[in-house]
């Protein structure tokens, strides 16, 4: 069933519940090992109604392994990640290496700078042995999620960021760390250990933006934050003239 918050935001994709370590849920789709799997299409499948399961073996992308909290996937699956993220390996790259390895993604000016980013990553083992994604309408089948991820455009993201401060009055309730498209999950998982958790905005990775929906970003948060935004909706900014003006174009 659609929640009141989803209804008032006019979300066209369902919020996705993220479950760490879940082995019980019956999944409509399971990521297969043996082929390159980006996490983003699986998240979108969940936002469109499917329950999806991913193990480390099915998460063949090194960055995705990190994002889904299967530990340090960089060391295990791509120890040259700092080269790829900076200026590439050039002629030293294997003959069959993809262009991003040869030319580099050039997110960092050099390997040393890329290593600073890699070494600061909040690696987590929460995902083992399986991570499950489920749309909000099916949380009753799976249980209460650890995190909630929302895909939305700028208008809806603006409302969500505003509403995160509705009950606490803090200036900063949302952080925007740089990472791969799915890394907002590992950053949000870190927030589960905080007494004052924040939401994490994501989908800024231009190497994977083509797999996402144009003009949409993601907002990922501990479930408690999602639930807090659902309280007092009748007194929130979603009942104002300002929001009604925005609703005309949604």
Protein backbone atom coordinates (compact mmCIF):
# COMPACT_ATOMS: atom_id res chain seq x y z
CA UNK A 1 0.00 0.00 0.00
CA UNK A 2 1.24 3.48 -0.82
CA UNK A 3 2.23 5.54 2.20
CA UNK A 4 0.84 9.01 2.80
CA UNK A 5 4.30 10.54 2.28
CA UNK A 6 4.67 8.85 -1.11
CA UNK A 7 1.20 10.03 -2.07
CA UNK A 8 1.86 13.64 -1.08
CA UNK A 9 5.20 13.67 -2.91
CA UNK A 10 3.61 12.12 -6.02
CA UNK A 11 6.56 9.73 -6.32
CA UNK A 12 6.47 7.78 -9.57
CA UNK A 13 8.95 5.20 -8.25
CA UNK A 14 8.45 3.40 -4.96
CA UNK A 15 10.85 3.93 -2.05
CA UNK A 16 13.21 0.96 -1.89
CA UNK A 17 13.83 -0.83 1.38
CA UNK A 18 17.37 -2.17 1.77
CA UNK A 19 17.87 -5.23 3.96
CA UNK A 20 21.34 -6.27 5.08
CA UNK A 21 22.09 -9.93 5.70
CA UNK A 22 18.62 -11.07 4.63
CA UNK A 23 18.42 -14.72 3.59
CA UNK A 24 14.70 -15.31 4.14
CA UNK A 25 12.95 -13.13 1.58
CA UNK A 26 11.60 -14.77 -1.57
CA UNK A 27 13.01 -12.77 -4.46
CA UNK A 28 11.59 -12.16 -7.92
CA UNK A 29 15.06 -11.43 -9.27
CA UNK A 30 18.48 -12.63 -8.16
CA UNK A 31 21.74 -11.16 -9.46
CA UNK A 32 23.64 -13.86 -11.32
CA UNK A 33 27.36 -14.41 -10.99
CA UNK A 34 29.51 -14.60 -14.11
CA UNK A 35 28.45 -11.31 -15.69
CA UNK A 36 29.04 -7.64 -14.99
CA UNK A 37 26.23 -6.46 -12.72
CA UNK A 38 25.70 -2.81 -11.91
CA UNK A 39 23.66 -2.27 -8.74
CA UNK A 40 21.60 0.64 -10.14
CA UNK A 41 19.35 -1.42 -12.48
CA UNK A 42 18.53 -3.75 -9.57
CA UNK A 43 17.57 -0.78 -7.39
CA UNK A 44 15.36 0.54 -10.19
CA UNK A 45 13.75 -2.90 -10.57
CA UNK A 46 12.86 -2.79 -6.89
CA UNK A 47 11.50 0.75 -7.22
CA UNK A 48 9.23 -0.63 -9.96
CA UNK A 49 7.85 -3.45 -7.84
CA UNK A 50 10.28 -6.40 -7.69
CA UNK A 51 11.99 -7.95 -4.69
CA UNK A 52 15.66 -8.37 -5.59
CA UNK A 53 18.41 -10.39 -3.92
CA UNK A 54 22.17 -9.88 -4.36
CA UNK A 55 25.00 -11.90 -2.84
CA UNK A 56 28.68 -10.99 -3.09
CA UNK A 57 29.07 -13.55 -5.88
CA UNK A 58 26.28 -11.87 -7.83
CA UNK A 59 27.74 -8.43 -7.21
CA UNK A 60 30.55 -8.66 -9.73
CA UNK A 61 31.35 -4.94 -9.84
CA UNK A 62 34.12 -4.06 -7.33
CA UNK A 63 32.50 -0.72 -6.54
CA UNK A 64 29.13 -2.39 -6.15
CA UNK A 65 30.65 -4.89 -3.73
CA UNK A 66 31.75 -1.94 -1.60
CA UNK A 67 28.44 -0.13 -2.00
CA UNK A 68 26.39 -3.13 -0.86
CA UNK A 69 28.52 -3.54 2.27
CA UNK A 70 30.33 -6.70 1.24
CA UNK A 71 33.57 -5.38 2.69
CA UNK A 72 36.59 -4.08 0.78
CA UNK A 73 35.73 -5.17 -2.74
CA UNK A 74 38.41 -2.91 -4.18
CA UNK A 75 41.26 -4.93 -2.71
CA UNK A 76 39.65 -8.26 -3.63
CA UNK A 77 38.36 -7.43 -7.09
CA UNK A 78 40.19 -4.37 -8.42
CA UNK A 79 43.38 -3.39 -6.58
CA UNK A 80 44.07 -0.87 -9.36
CA UNK A 81 40.92 1.13 -8.65
CA UNK A 82 42.99 4.24 -7.86
CA UNK A 83 44.49 4.07 -11.36
CA UNK A 84 41.11 3.69 -13.03
CA UNK A 85 39.56 6.53 -11.04
CA UNK A 86 42.39 8.90 -11.89
CA UNK A 87 44.34 9.02 -15.15
CA UNK A 88 44.26 5.36 -16.16
CA UNK A 89 46.97 2.80 -16.89
CA UNK A 90 47.66 3.89 -20.45
CA UNK A 91 49.83 1.44 -22.40
CA UNK A 92 50.35 -0.59 -19.22
CA UNK A 93 46.70 -1.67 -19.24
CA UNK A 94 45.92 -5.25 -20.35
CA UNK A 95 45.06 -5.51 -24.03
CA UNK A 96 41.40 -6.34 -23.39
CA UNK A 97 40.94 -3.74 -20.64
CA UNK A 98 37.94 -1.41 -21.04
CA UNK A 99 38.52 2.24 -22.02
CA UNK A 100 37.92 3.42 -18.44
CA UNK A 101 40.95 1.40 -17.33
CA UNK A 102 43.18 2.61 -20.16
CA UNK A 103 42.13 6.26 -20.18
CA UNK A 104 40.98 6.55 -16.59
CA UNK A 105 37.70 8.00 -15.43
CA UNK A 106 39.63 11.12 -14.37
CA UNK A 107 37.63 11.75 -11.24
CA UNK A 108 40.93 12.50 -9.48
CA UNK A 109 43.98 14.36 -10.70
CA UNK A 110 46.43 11.56 -9.88
CA UNK A 111 46.71 8.14 -8.24
CA UNK A 112 47.78 9.52 -4.87
CA UNK A 113 44.67 11.68 -4.64
CA UNK A 114 42.46 8.76 -5.67
CA UNK A 115 44.04 6.65 -2.93
CA UNK A 116 43.03 9.25 -0.34
CA UNK A 117 39.42 8.73 -1.40
CA UNK A 118 39.74 4.96 -1.48
CA UNK A 119 41.36 4.79 1.96
CA UNK A 120 38.64 6.97 3.50
CA UNK A 121 35.80 4.72 2.29
CA UNK A 122 33.70 3.47 5.27
CA UNK A 123 33.88 -0.22 4.30
CA UNK A 124 31.22 -2.35 5.96
CA UNK A 125 30.45 -6.07 6.24
CA UNK A 126 26.75 -5.57 6.99
CA UNK A 127 25.68 -6.99 3.64
CA UNK A 128 26.83 -10.58 4.13
CA UNK A 129 25.52 -13.03 3.12
CA UNK A 130 22.87 -11.28 1.02
CA UNK A 131 21.32 -7.86 0.48
CA UNK A 132 17.67 -7.57 -0.50
CA UNK A 133 15.89 -4.65 -2.15
CA UNK A 134 12.10 -4.39 -1.85
CA UNK A 135 9.54 -1.74 -2.87
CA UNK A 136 7.61 -0.08 -0.06
CA UNK A 137 4.39 -1.83 -1.10
CA UNK A 138 6.03 -5.18 -0.30
CA UNK A 139 7.80 -4.41 2.96
CA UNK A 140 5.08 -6.39 4.69
CA UNK A 141 6.43 -9.51 2.98
CA UNK A 142 10.06 -8.88 3.89
CA UNK A 143 10.00 -6.91 7.14
CA UNK A 144 11.26 -3.52 8.27
CA UNK A 145 14.21 -2.39 6.15
CA UNK A 146 17.53 -1.11 7.47
CA UNK A 147 17.69 1.72 4.95
CA UNK A 148 15.27 3.45 2.61
CA UNK A 149 16.38 4.72 -0.80
CA UNK A 150 14.25 7.13 -2.82
CA UNK A 151 14.69 8.01 -6.48
CA UNK A 152 13.35 11.49 -7.22
CA UNK A 153 13.76 14.62 -9.29
CA UNK A 154 14.89 18.00 -7.98
CA UNK A 155 11.42 19.13 -6.84
CA UNK A 156 10.82 16.05 -4.72
CA UNK A 157 14.40 15.88 -3.44
CA UNK A 158 14.04 19.51 -2.35
CA UNK A 159 10.94 18.64 -0.34
CA UNK A 160 12.61 15.62 1.26
CA UNK A 161 15.73 17.56 2.25
CA UNK A 162 13.53 20.25 3.78
CA UNK A 163 11.41 17.74 5.67
CA UNK A 164 14.43 16.04 7.20
CA UNK A 165 14.80 19.09 9.43
CA UNK A 166 11.10 19.40 10.30
CA UNK A 167 11.43 17.78 13.72
CA UNK A 168 15.01 18.61 14.69
CA UNK A 169 15.72 22.14 13.41
CA UNK A 170 19.24 21.24 12.30
CA UNK A 171 20.88 23.12 9.48
CA UNK A 172 22.50 20.01 8.01
CA UNK A 173 20.48 16.80 7.74
CA UNK A 174 21.79 15.63 4.37
CA UNK A 175 25.34 14.86 3.20
CA UNK A 176 26.60 14.56 -0.36
CA UNK A 177 29.72 12.37 -0.42
CA UNK A 178 31.36 11.46 -3.70
CA UNK A 179 31.25 7.80 -4.66
CA UNK A 180 30.00 5.32 -7.22
CA UNK A 181 26.29 5.33 -7.97
CA UNK A 182 25.53 2.73 -5.28
CA UNK A 183 27.97 4.04 -2.67
CA UNK A 184 25.27 6.11 -1.02
CA UNK A 185 24.22 2.77 0.48
CA UNK A 186 27.53 2.18 2.29
CA UNK A 187 27.61 5.82 3.39
CA UNK A 188 24.03 5.53 4.69
CA UNK A 189 24.91 2.26 6.44
CA UNK A 190 27.52 4.23 8.38
CA UNK A 191 24.72 6.51 9.57
CA UNK A 192 23.02 3.54 11.26
CA UNK A 193 25.63 3.80 14.01
CA UNK A 194 25.01 7.51 14.63
CA UNK A 195 22.83 8.97 17.37
CA UNK A 196 21.96 11.77 14.94
CA UNK A 197 21.85 10.08 11.53
CA UNK A 198 21.72 11.98 8.28
CA UNK A 199 20.44 11.15 4.82
CA UNK A 200 22.85 10.62 1.94
CA UNK A 201 22.29 12.08 -1.52
CA UNK A 202 23.67 10.03 -4.39
CA UNK A 203 23.79 9.09 -8.07
CA UNK A 204 26.50 11.63 -8.91
CA UNK A 205 28.78 9.05 -10.56
CA UNK A 206 28.85 10.12 -14.21
CA UNK A 207 30.28 6.75 -15.26
CA UNK A 208 26.95 5.17 -14.25
CA UNK A 209 24.53 8.06 -14.78
CA UNK A 210 23.56 6.54 -18.13
CA UNK A 211 22.02 3.60 -16.24
CA UNK A 212 19.95 5.93 -14.05
CA UNK A 213 16.93 8.07 -14.95
CA UNK A 214 17.79 11.44 -16.40
CA UNK A 215 17.38 14.30 -13.91
CA UNK A 216 16.81 11.94 -10.98
CA UNK A 217 19.03 11.59 -7.93
CA UNK A 218 18.75 9.31 -4.93
CA UNK A 219 18.31 9.97 -1.23
CA UNK A 220 19.20 7.11 1.14
CA UNK A 221 18.62 7.10 4.88
CA UNK A 222 18.15 4.88 7.93
CA UNK A 223 14.55 3.72 8.21
CA UNK A 224 14.04 5.82 11.35
CA UNK A 225 14.54 9.00 9.34
CA UNK A 226 12.01 7.91 6.73
CA UNK A 227 9.50 7.21 9.47
CA UNK A 228 10.13 10.55 11.17
CA UNK A 229 9.31 12.38 7.94
CA UNK A 230 5.94 10.63 7.89
CA UNK A 231 4.96 12.21 11.22
CA UNK A 232 3.01 15.46 11.25
CA UNK A 233 2.48 15.56 7.50
CA UNK A 234 -0.69 17.61 7.96
CA UNK A 235 1.53 20.44 9.32
CA UNK A 236 4.40 20.03 6.87
CA UNK A 237 5.54 22.03 3.85
CA UNK A 238 3.62 19.57 1.67
CA UNK A 239 0.39 21.28 2.73
CA UNK A 240 1.44 24.80 1.72
CA UNK A 241 0.72 27.07 -1.22
CA UNK A 242 4.38 26.74 -2.24
CA UNK A 243 4.09 22.98 -2.63
CA UNK A 244 0.77 23.27 -4.42
CA UNK A 245 2.50 25.47 -7.02
CA UNK A 246 5.15 22.77 -7.52
CA UNK A 247 2.49 20.04 -7.69
CA UNK A 248 1.11 21.63 -10.85
CA UNK A 249 4.17 20.40 -12.78
CA UNK A 250 4.53 16.97 -11.18
